[in-house]
Protein backbone atom coordinates (compact mmCIF):
# COMPACT_ATOMS: atom_id res chain seq x y z
CA MET A 1 0.00 0.00 0.00
CA HIS A 2 2.73 2.47 0.95
CA HIS A 3 4.74 1.90 -2.24
CA ILE A 4 1.65 2.90 -4.23
CA TYR A 5 1.54 6.18 -2.32
CA PHE A 6 5.25 6.75 -3.05
CA LYS A 7 4.58 6.26 -6.76
CA ARG A 8 1.73 8.77 -6.59
CA VAL A 9 3.67 11.56 -4.84
CA GLY A 10 7.10 10.67 -6.29
CA ARG A 11 9.04 11.42 -3.13
CA ARG A 12 9.59 10.19 0.39
CA THR A 13 6.77 11.05 2.74
CA PHE A 14 6.94 11.80 6.46
CA TRP A 15 6.14 8.17 7.23
CA SER A 16 8.78 6.78 4.90
CA GLN A 17 11.38 9.15 6.39
CA ALA A 18 10.31 8.10 9.90
CA HIS A 19 10.61 4.43 8.90
CA ILE A 20 14.09 4.94 7.44
CA TRP A 21 15.39 6.89 10.45
CA LEU A 22 13.83 4.46 12.93
CA GLY A 23 15.65 1.63 11.18
CA ARG A 24 18.95 3.52 11.22
CA ALA A 25 18.55 4.27 14.92
CA GLY A 26 17.68 0.61 15.56
CA ILE A 27 20.85 -0.57 13.83
CA THR A 28 22.95 1.84 15.89
CA LEU A 29 21.26 0.79 19.12
CA GLY A 30 21.75 -2.86 18.15
CA ILE A 31 25.49 -2.32 17.79
CA ILE A 32 25.60 -0.64 21.20
CA ASN A 33 23.52 -3.45 22.70
CA GLY A 34 26.00 -6.00 21.36
CA GLY A 35 28.79 -4.33 23.26
CA LEU A 36 26.74 -4.11 26.43
CA GLY A 37 25.86 -7.78 26.05
CA LEU A 38 29.53 -8.70 25.94
CA GLU A 39 30.05 -6.87 29.21
CA LEU A 40 27.10 -8.62 30.84
CA ALA A 41 28.34 -12.00 29.55
CA GLU A 42 31.61 -11.29 31.33
CA ASN A 43 33.64 -11.51 28.14
CA THR A 44 37.33 -10.73 28.35
CA ARG A 45 38.40 -7.11 28.24
CA LYS A 46 40.31 -7.79 25.00
CA GLY A 47 37.14 -9.24 23.46
CA GLU A 48 35.14 -6.17 24.42
CA ILE A 49 37.82 -3.88 22.95
CA ALA A 50 37.99 -5.93 19.75
CA TYR A 51 34.19 -5.79 19.42
CA GLY A 52 34.21 -2.05 20.03
CA VAL A 53 36.88 -1.41 17.40
CA ILE A 54 35.29 -3.66 14.75
CA ALA A 55 31.76 -2.44 15.48
CA GLY A 56 32.95 1.18 15.42
CA VAL A 57 34.63 0.74 12.03
CA ILE A 58 31.57 -1.02 10.60
CA TRP A 59 29.29 1.72 11.98
CA LEU A 60 31.46 4.44 10.41
CA VAL A 61 31.35 2.63 7.05
CA TYR A 62 27.56 2.30 7.46
CA VAL A 63 27.20 6.05 8.09
CA ALA A 64 29.47 6.85 5.11
CA VAL A 65 27.34 4.65 2.85
CA ILE A 66 24.17 6.39 4.08
CA ILE A 67 25.67 9.83 3.39
CA PHE A 68 26.97 8.77 -0.04
CA GLY A 69 23.62 7.22 -0.93
CA GLU A 70 21.66 10.30 0.10
CA ILE A 71 23.97 12.59 -1.90
CA LYS A 72 23.68 10.33 -4.95
CA ARG A 73 19.88 10.10 -4.56
CA LYS A 74 19.53 13.89 -4.35
CA LYS A 75 21.75 14.44 -7.42
CA SER A 76 19.77 11.97 -9.53
CA ALA A 77 16.33 13.04 -8.27
CA PRO A 78 13.99 14.50 -10.87
CA PRO A 79 13.25 18.19 -10.52
CA PRO A 80 10.40 19.00 -8.14
CA TYR A 81 6.93 19.10 -9.62
CA ASP A 82 5.93 22.66 -10.44
CA LYS A 83 2.15 22.94 -10.68
CA ASP A 84 2.28 26.44 -12.20
CA MET A 85 4.70 25.32 -14.91
CA GLN A 86 2.45 22.38 -15.78
CA THR A 87 -0.57 24.71 -16.03
CA ASP A 88 1.38 27.11 -18.31
CA GLN A 89 2.43 24.26 -20.61
CA MET A 90 -1.12 22.97 -20.89
CA SER A 91 -2.48 26.42 -21.75
CA GLY A 92 0.23 27.09 -24.33
CA ALA A 93 1.77 30.00 -22.43
CA SER A 94 5.50 30.55 -22.83
CA ASP A 95 8.15 32.39 -20.83
């Protein structure tokens, strides 16, 4: 149902943005929870440090991919719909 709405408006809606950002926050919180779980499981200090370093690097790559993807999406996005321009074209008016 929601993908039909996206096709109709041609852009991300408030709800799709909320869904995307909720997912991103969930992934970040999941990474943090993994580290806290290691501490509660009484893992070795070296294991906790290794997890923190690897998880931190992966999270930074994840954030870089998000930023790169958003920049690429904005560059390739079609121009915004201009209702006045569409009305002018239909009536035969020119600039």
